[in-house]
Amino acid sequence: MFTGIVEELGTVAAVEDQGDAIRLSIRATTVLEDVHLGDSISVNGCCLTVTTVDGDTWTADVMQETLDKTSLLGVGPGTPVNLERAVTADKRLGGHIVQGHVDGVGTVASRTPSEHWEVVEIEIPTGLSRYLVDKGSITVDGVSLTVVEAGADRFTVSLIPETLARTTLGTRRPGDRVNLEVDVIAKYVERLLPFAKESA
């Protein structure tokens, strides 16, 4: 489990094509401070397992299923990525409950800068809008954000200077693809409602 609070910007060091998978090597510092093989690290919102560590670089195997359903398919050497270690029980939950399971890939539609923040509009895949509400939580490329306005096929978020400077969202441009994870609580509520009606 993660919180959506990005710990550092890593850099893709290499991508090894394995046919139905890739081996992704990422250069980092903070997330490697106490890393062990088998640990989980969120990469742009995707939960990946550490398979090797060599100095300041770690690797993960990314299966075809993940490539088909996330924006990791497009990364290459030099690509910056948002990184977060799995949360431990003694840490503050600064964002919201994030699983690292991408629900769909959205597209940045527009950016509107203001003096102290920037409003970003993101188009969402069909079927995800029902999980979004104004002032609710959404994870975009692994970043926990608050929905400003939830629409039928898009939503907006406001990015503060800290988020713009410390995550990939500061450089995402219209047309760029971003990984989305909706609030898991909304999915559980949807799943339970039919059973609640049956037992009423």
C-alpha atoms as a PDB file:
ATOM      1  CA  MET A   1       0.000   0.000   0.000  1.00  0.00           C
ATOM      2  CA  PHE A   2       1.094   3.569  -0.724  1.00  0.00           C
ATOM      3  CA  THR A   3      -0.031   7.064   0.218  1.00  0.00           C
ATOM      4  CA  GLY A   4       0.455   8.954  -3.051  1.00  0.00           C
ATOM      5  CA  ILE A   5       3.144  11.176  -1.515  1.00  0.00           C
ATOM      6  CA  VAL A   6       6.043  10.991  -3.983  1.00  0.00           C
ATOM      7  CA  GLU A   7       9.406  10.592  -2.260  1.00  0.00           C
ATOM      8  CA  GLU A   8      11.642  11.396  -5.202  1.00  0.00           C
ATOM      9  CA  LEU A   9      11.940  11.718  -8.942  1.00  0.00           C
ATOM     10  CA  GLY A  10      13.887   8.785 -10.315  1.00  0.00           C
ATOM     11  CA  THR A  11      15.253   8.374 -13.822  1.00  0.00           C
ATOM     12  CA  VAL A  12      14.842   5.394 -16.130  1.00  0.00           C
ATOM     13  CA  ALA A  13      18.351   4.039 -16.739  1.00  0.00           C
ATOM     14  CA  ALA A  14      17.526   1.237 -19.183  1.00  0.00           C
ATOM     15  CA  VAL A  15      14.639  -0.710 -20.694  1.00  0.00           C
ATOM     16  CA  GLU A  16      15.337  -4.307 -21.712  1.00  0.00           C
ATOM     17  CA  ASP A  17      12.783  -5.816 -24.108  1.00  0.00           C
ATOM     18  CA  GLN A  18      11.925  -9.406 -23.155  1.00  0.00           C
ATOM     19  CA  GLY A  19       9.221 -10.043 -25.712  1.00  0.00           C
ATOM     20  CA  ASP A  20       6.138 -10.277 -23.506  1.00  0.00           C
ATOM     21  CA  ALA A  21       7.678  -8.115 -20.775  1.00  0.00           C
ATOM     22  CA  ILE A  22      10.351  -5.523 -20.110  1.00  0.00           C
ATOM     23  CA  ARG A  23      13.033  -5.261 -17.461  1.00  0.00           C
ATOM     24  CA  LEU A  24      12.990  -1.703 -16.180  1.00  0.00           C
ATOM     25  CA  SER A  25      16.104  -0.235 -14.539  1.00  0.00           C
ATOM     26  CA  ILE A  26      15.662   2.971 -12.537  1.00  0.00           C
ATOM     27  CA  ARG A  27      18.256   5.260 -10.986  1.00  0.00           C
ATOM     28  CA  ALA A  28      17.280   6.571  -7.546  1.00  0.00           C
ATOM     29  CA  THR A  29      18.591   7.509  -4.087  1.00  0.00           C
ATOM     30  CA  THR A  30      15.928   7.970  -1.385  1.00  0.00           C
ATOM     31  CA  VAL A  31      13.852   4.856  -2.138  1.00  0.00           C
ATOM     32  CA  LEU A  32      17.020   2.723  -2.033  1.00  0.00           C
ATOM     33  CA  GLU A  33      18.033   3.757   1.495  1.00  0.00           C
ATOM     34  CA  ASP A  34      16.493   0.684   3.137  1.00  0.00           C
ATOM     35  CA  VAL A  35      15.464  -1.386   0.122  1.00  0.00           C
ATOM     36  CA  HIS A  36      15.405  -5.183   0.076  1.00  0.00           C
ATOM     37  CA  LEU A  37      14.802  -7.596  -2.790  1.00  0.00           C
ATOM     38  CA  GLY A  38      11.071  -8.221  -3.075  1.00  0.00           C
ATOM     39  CA  ASP A  39      10.104  -4.790  -1.741  1.00  0.00           C
ATOM     40  CA  SER A  40       7.382  -2.810  -3.507  1.00  0.00           C
ATOM     41  CA  ILE A  41       8.044   0.585  -5.061  1.00  0.00           C
ATOM     42  CA  SER A  42       5.434   2.667  -6.860  1.00  0.00           C
ATOM     43  CA  VAL A  43       6.625   3.889 -10.271  1.00  0.00           C
ATOM     44  CA  ASN A  44       4.251   6.507 -11.707  1.00  0.00           C
ATOM     45  CA  GLY A  45       1.528   4.847  -9.674  1.00  0.00           C
ATOM     46  CA  CYS A  46       2.349   1.242 -10.666  1.00  0.00           C
ATOM     47  CA  CYS A  47       3.345  -1.120  -7.862  1.00  0.00           C
ATOM     48  CA  LEU A  48       6.535  -2.897  -8.981  1.00  0.00           C
ATOM     49  CA  THR A  49       8.711  -5.450  -7.196  1.00  0.00           C
ATOM     50  CA  VAL A  50      12.429  -4.864  -6.689  1.00  0.00           C
ATOM     51  CA  THR A  51      14.321  -7.742  -8.313  1.00  0.00           C
ATOM     52  CA  THR A  52      17.914  -6.453  -8.212  1.00  0.00           C
ATOM     53  CA  VAL A  53      19.821  -3.530  -6.721  1.00  0.00           C
ATOM     54  CA  ASP A  54      23.186  -2.358  -8.046  1.00  0.00           C
ATOM     55  CA  GLY A  55      24.520   0.823  -6.491  1.00  0.00           C
ATOM     56  CA  ASP A  56      22.074   3.611  -7.284  1.00  0.00           C
ATOM     57  CA  THR A  57      20.032   1.519  -9.724  1.00  0.00           C
ATOM     58  CA  TRP A  58      17.269  -1.009  -9.132  1.00  0.00           C
ATOM     59  CA  THR A  59      15.340  -3.180 -11.551  1.00  0.00           C
ATOM     60  CA  ALA A  60      11.805  -4.517 -11.860  1.00  0.00           C
ATOM     61  CA  ASP A  61      10.132  -6.886 -14.297  1.00  0.00           C
ATOM     62  CA  VAL A  62       7.057  -5.387 -15.948  1.00  0.00           C
ATOM     63  CA  MET A  63       4.631  -7.892 -17.485  1.00  0.00           C
ATOM     64  CA  GLN A  64       2.669  -7.365 -20.706  1.00  0.00           C
ATOM     65  CA  GLU A  65      -0.575  -6.913 -18.735  1.00  0.00           C
ATOM     66  CA  THR A  66       0.948  -3.906 -16.970  1.00  0.00           C
ATOM     67  CA  LEU A  67       2.323  -2.498 -20.220  1.00  0.00           C
ATOM     68  CA  ASP A  68      -1.078  -2.849 -21.879  1.00  0.00           C
ATOM     69  CA  LYS A  69      -2.910  -1.002 -19.103  1.00  0.00           C
ATOM     70  CA  THR A  70      -0.479   1.717 -18.010  1.00  0.00           C
ATOM     71  CA  SER A  71       1.724   4.440 -19.457  1.00  0.00           C
ATOM     72  CA  LEU A  72       4.919   2.518 -18.586  1.00  0.00           C
ATOM     73  CA  LEU A  73       4.946   1.218 -22.151  1.00  0.00           C
ATOM     74  CA  GLY A  74       6.220   4.598 -23.320  1.00  0.00           C
ATOM     75  CA  VAL A  75       9.141   5.103 -20.925  1.00  0.00           C
ATOM     76  CA  GLY A  76      12.759   5.047 -22.084  1.00  0.00           C
ATOM     77  CA  PRO A  77      16.235   5.929 -20.829  1.00  0.00           C
ATOM     78  CA  GLY A  78      16.210   9.387 -19.291  1.00  0.00           C
ATOM     79  CA  THR A  79      12.470   9.437 -18.554  1.00  0.00           C
ATOM     80  CA  PRO A  80      11.745  10.876 -15.078  1.00  0.00           C
ATOM     81  CA  VAL A  81       9.401   8.795 -12.909  1.00  0.00           C
ATOM     82  CA  ASN A  82       7.614   9.356  -9.591  1.00  0.00           C
ATOM     83  CA  LEU A  83       8.820   6.957  -6.889  1.00  0.00           C
ATOM     84  CA  GLU A  84       7.359   5.995  -3.524  1.00  0.00           C
ATOM     85  CA  ARG A  85       8.197   3.116  -1.189  1.00  0.00           C
ATOM     86  CA  ALA A  86       5.361   1.057   0.282  1.00  0.00           C
ATOM     87  CA  VAL A  87       4.073   2.668   3.473  1.00  0.00           C
ATOM     88  CA  THR A  88       4.849   1.123   6.863  1.00  0.00           C
ATOM     89  CA  ALA A  89       2.513   1.048   9.860  1.00  0.00           C
ATOM     90  CA  ASP A  90       4.501   3.686  11.759  1.00  0.00           C
ATOM     91  CA  LYS A  91       4.263   6.328   9.021  1.00  0.00           C
ATOM     92  CA  ARG A  92       1.719   9.129   8.597  1.00  0.00           C
ATOM     93  CA  LEU A  93      -0.864   8.586   5.867  1.00  0.00           C
ATOM     94  CA  GLY A  94      -0.266  11.974   4.278  1.00  0.00           C
ATOM     95  CA  GLY A  95      -2.221  11.359   1.073  1.00  0.00           C
ATOM     96  CA  HIS A  96      -4.892   8.648   0.838  1.00  0.00           C
ATOM     97  CA  ILE A  97      -5.003   4.854   0.528  1.00  0.00           C
ATOM     98  CA  VAL A  98      -3.286   3.987  -2.757  1.00  0.00           C
ATOM     99  CA  GLN A  99      -2.858   0.400  -3.929  1.00  0.00           C
ATOM    100  CA  GLY A 100      -0.542   0.940  -6.881  1.00  0.00           C
ATOM    101  CA  HIS A 101      -3.078  -0.773  -9.151  1.00  0.00           C
ATOM    102  CA  VAL A 102      -3.761   1.440 -12.169  1.00  0.00           C
ATOM    103  CA  ASP A 103      -7.443   1.612 -13.143  1.00  0.00           C
ATOM    104  CA  GLY A 104      -6.897   3.333 -16.474  1.00  0.00           C
ATOM    105  CA  VAL A 105      -4.793   5.746 -18.474  1.00  0.00           C
ATOM    106  CA  GLY A 106      -5.967   9.327 -18.815  1.00  0.00           C
ATOM    107  CA  THR A 107      -4.781  12.129 -21.095  1.00  0.00           C
ATOM    108  CA  VAL A 108      -3.788  15.641 -20.073  1.00  0.00           C
ATOM    109  CA  ALA A 109      -6.303  17.885 -21.854  1.00  0.00           C
ATOM    110  CA  SER A 110      -5.194  21.342 -20.734  1.00  0.00           C
ATOM    111  CA  ARG A 111      -3.159  23.326 -18.221  1.00  0.00           C
ATOM    112  CA  THR A 112      -4.180  26.718 -16.862  1.00  0.00           C
ATOM    113  CA  PRO A 113      -1.481  28.496 -14.852  1.00  0.00           C
ATOM    114  CA  SER A 114      -2.307  30.853 -11.998  1.00  0.00           C
ATOM    115  CA  GLU A 115      -0.033  32.933  -9.812  1.00  0.00           C
ATOM    116  CA  HIS A 116       0.463  30.281  -7.130  1.00  0.00           C
ATOM    117  CA  TRP A 117      -0.900  27.049  -8.627  1.00  0.00           C
ATOM    118  CA  GLU A 118      -1.859  25.414 -11.902  1.00  0.00           C
ATOM    119  CA  VAL A 119      -5.167  23.828 -12.867  1.00  0.00           C
ATOM    120  CA  VAL A 120      -4.783  20.652 -14.926  1.00  0.00           C
ATOM    121  CA  GLU A 121      -7.675  19.051 -16.791  1.00  0.00           C
ATOM    122  CA  ILE A 122      -7.443  15.322 -17.478  1.00  0.00           C
ATOM    123  CA  GLU A 123      -9.627  13.231 -19.777  1.00  0.00           C
ATOM    124  CA  ILE A 124     -10.586   9.880 -18.275  1.00  0.00           C
ATOM    125  CA  PRO A 125     -11.450   6.489 -19.796  1.00  0.00           C
ATOM    126  CA  THR A 126     -15.083   5.444 -20.026  1.00  0.00           C
ATOM    127  CA  GLY A 127     -16.355   3.952 -16.796  1.00  0.00           C
ATOM    128  CA  LEU A 128     -14.092   5.730 -14.330  1.00  0.00           C
ATOM    129  CA  SER A 129     -16.070   8.950 -13.908  1.00  0.00           C
ATOM    130  CA  ARG A 130     -18.586   7.290 -11.574  1.00  0.00           C
ATOM    131  CA  TYR A 131     -15.840   6.931  -8.950  1.00  0.00           C
ATOM    132  CA  LEU A 132     -14.962  10.635  -8.925  1.00  0.00           C
ATOM    133  CA  VAL A 133     -16.594  13.346  -6.829  1.00  0.00           C
ATOM    134  CA  ASP A 134     -15.720  16.981  -6.204  1.00  0.00           C
ATOM    135  CA  LYS A 135     -13.168  17.172  -3.354  1.00  0.00           C
ATOM    136  CA  GLY A 136     -12.616  13.397  -3.538  1.00  0.00           C
ATOM    137  CA  SER A 137      -9.269  11.647  -3.978  1.00  0.00           C
ATOM    138  CA  ILE A 138      -7.575  10.549  -7.210  1.00  0.00           C
ATOM    139  CA  THR A 139      -4.088   9.268  -7.912  1.00  0.00           C
ATOM    140  CA  VAL A 140      -2.400  10.636 -11.038  1.00  0.00           C
ATOM    141  CA  ASP A 141       0.946   9.038 -11.940  1.00  0.00           C
ATOM    142  CA  GLY A 142       1.248   7.963  -8.318  1.00  0.00           C
ATOM    143  CA  VAL A 143       0.485  11.421  -6.886  1.00  0.00           C
ATOM    144  CA  SER A 144      -2.390  11.747  -4.398  1.00  0.00           C
ATOM    145  CA  LEU A 145      -4.543  14.684  -5.506  1.00  0.00           C
ATOM    146  CA  THR A 146      -7.899  16.251  -4.681  1.00  0.00           C
ATOM    147  CA  VAL A 147     -10.472  16.453  -7.461  1.00  0.00           C
ATOM    148  CA  VAL A 148     -11.599  20.046  -8.022  1.00  0.00           C
ATOM    149  CA  GLU A 149     -14.364  19.331 -10.522  1.00  0.00           C
ATOM    150  CA  ALA A 150     -15.547  15.895 -11.629  1.00  0.00           C
ATOM    151  CA  GLY A 151     -17.185  15.711 -15.048  1.00  0.00           C
ATOM    152  CA  ALA A 152     -18.634  12.975 -17.253  1.00  0.00           C
ATOM    153  CA  ASP A 153     -15.410  12.342 -19.168  1.00  0.00           C
ATOM    154  CA  ARG A 154     -12.806  14.511 -17.426  1.00  0.00           C
ATOM    155  CA  PHE A 155     -11.790  16.075 -14.122  1.00  0.00           C
ATOM    156  CA  THR A 156      -9.584  18.908 -12.899  1.00  0.00           C
ATOM    157  CA  VAL A 157      -6.966  19.137 -10.162  1.00  0.00           C
ATOM    158  CA  SER A 158      -5.009  22.092  -8.782  1.00  0.00           C
ATOM    159  CA  LEU A 159      -1.262  21.599  -8.479  1.00  0.00           C
ATOM    160  CA  ILE A 160       0.675  23.588  -5.878  1.00  0.00           C
ATOM    161  CA  PRO A 161       4.297  24.644  -6.503  1.00  0.00           C
ATOM    162  CA  GLU A 162       5.600  21.728  -4.380  1.00  0.00           C
ATOM    163  CA  THR A 163       3.833  19.194  -6.579  1.00  0.00           C
ATOM    164  CA  LEU A 164       4.910  20.953  -9.764  1.00  0.00           C
ATOM    165  CA  ALA A 165       8.561  20.962  -8.656  1.00  0.00           C
ATOM    166  CA  ARG A 166       8.838  17.498  -7.070  1.00  0.00           C
ATOM    167  CA  THR A 167       6.829  15.275  -9.430  1.00  0.00           C
ATOM    168  CA  THR A 168       6.493  14.557 -13.141  1.00  0.00           C
ATOM    169  CA  LEU A 169       3.195  16.460 -13.143  1.00  0.00           C
ATOM    170  CA  GLY A 170       5.167  19.680 -13.430  1.00  0.00           C
ATOM    171  CA  THR A 171       6.242  18.736 -16.964  1.00  0.00           C
ATOM    172  CA  ARG A 172       3.237  16.847 -18.285  1.00  0.00           C
ATOM    173  CA  ARG A 173       1.806  18.569 -21.370  1.00  0.00           C
ATOM    174  CA  PRO A 174      -1.540  18.323 -23.206  1.00  0.00           C
ATOM    175  CA  GLY A 175      -1.656  14.979 -24.981  1.00  0.00           C
ATOM    176  CA  ASP A 176       0.568  13.210 -22.428  1.00  0.00           C
ATOM    177  CA  ARG A 177      -0.783   9.965 -20.948  1.00  0.00           C
ATOM    178  CA  VAL A 178      -1.030   9.569 -17.167  1.00  0.00           C
ATOM    179  CA  ASN A 179      -1.812   6.590 -14.935  1.00  0.00           C
ATOM    180  CA  LEU A 180      -5.005   6.895 -12.897  1.00  0.00           C
ATOM    181  CA  GLU A 181      -6.098   5.049  -9.770  1.00  0.00           C
ATOM    182  CA  VAL A 182      -9.487   5.907  -8.326  1.00  0.00           C
ATOM    183  CA  ASP A 183     -10.273   5.758  -4.608  1.00  0.00           C
ATOM    184  CA  VAL A 184     -10.598   2.066  -3.684  1.00  0.00           C
ATOM    185  CA  ILE A 185     -13.273   2.936  -1.091  1.00  0.00           C
ATOM    186  CA  ALA A 186     -15.587   4.080  -3.913  1.00  0.00           C
ATOM    187  CA  LYS A 187     -15.124   0.730  -5.671  1.00  0.00           C
ATOM    188  CA  TYR A 188     -15.959  -1.220  -2.514  1.00  0.00           C
ATOM    189  CA  VAL A 189     -19.083   0.880  -1.922  1.00  0.00           C
ATOM    190  CA  GLU A 190     -20.252   0.222  -5.489  1.00  0.00           C
ATOM    191  CA  ARG A 191     -19.653  -3.506  -5.068  1.00  0.00           C
ATOM    192  CA  LEU A 192     -21.515  -3.705  -1.753  1.00  0.00           C
ATOM    193  CA  LEU A 193     -24.603  -1.675  -2.696  1.00  0.00           C
ATOM    194  CA  PRO A 194     -26.412  -4.493  -4.582  1.00  0.00           C
ATOM    195  CA  PHE A 195     -25.953  -6.829  -1.602  1.00  0.00           C
ATOM    196  CA  ALA A 196     -27.254  -4.163   0.773  1.00  0.00           C
ATOM    197  CA  LYS A 197     -30.431  -3.815  -1.339  1.00  0.00           C
ATOM    198  CA  GLU A 198     -30.950  -7.594  -1.380  1.00  0.00           C
ATOM    199  CA  SER A 199     -30.760  -7.852   2.406  1.00  0.00           C
ATOM    200  CA  ALA A 200     -32.989  -4.793   3.037  1.00  0.00           C
END
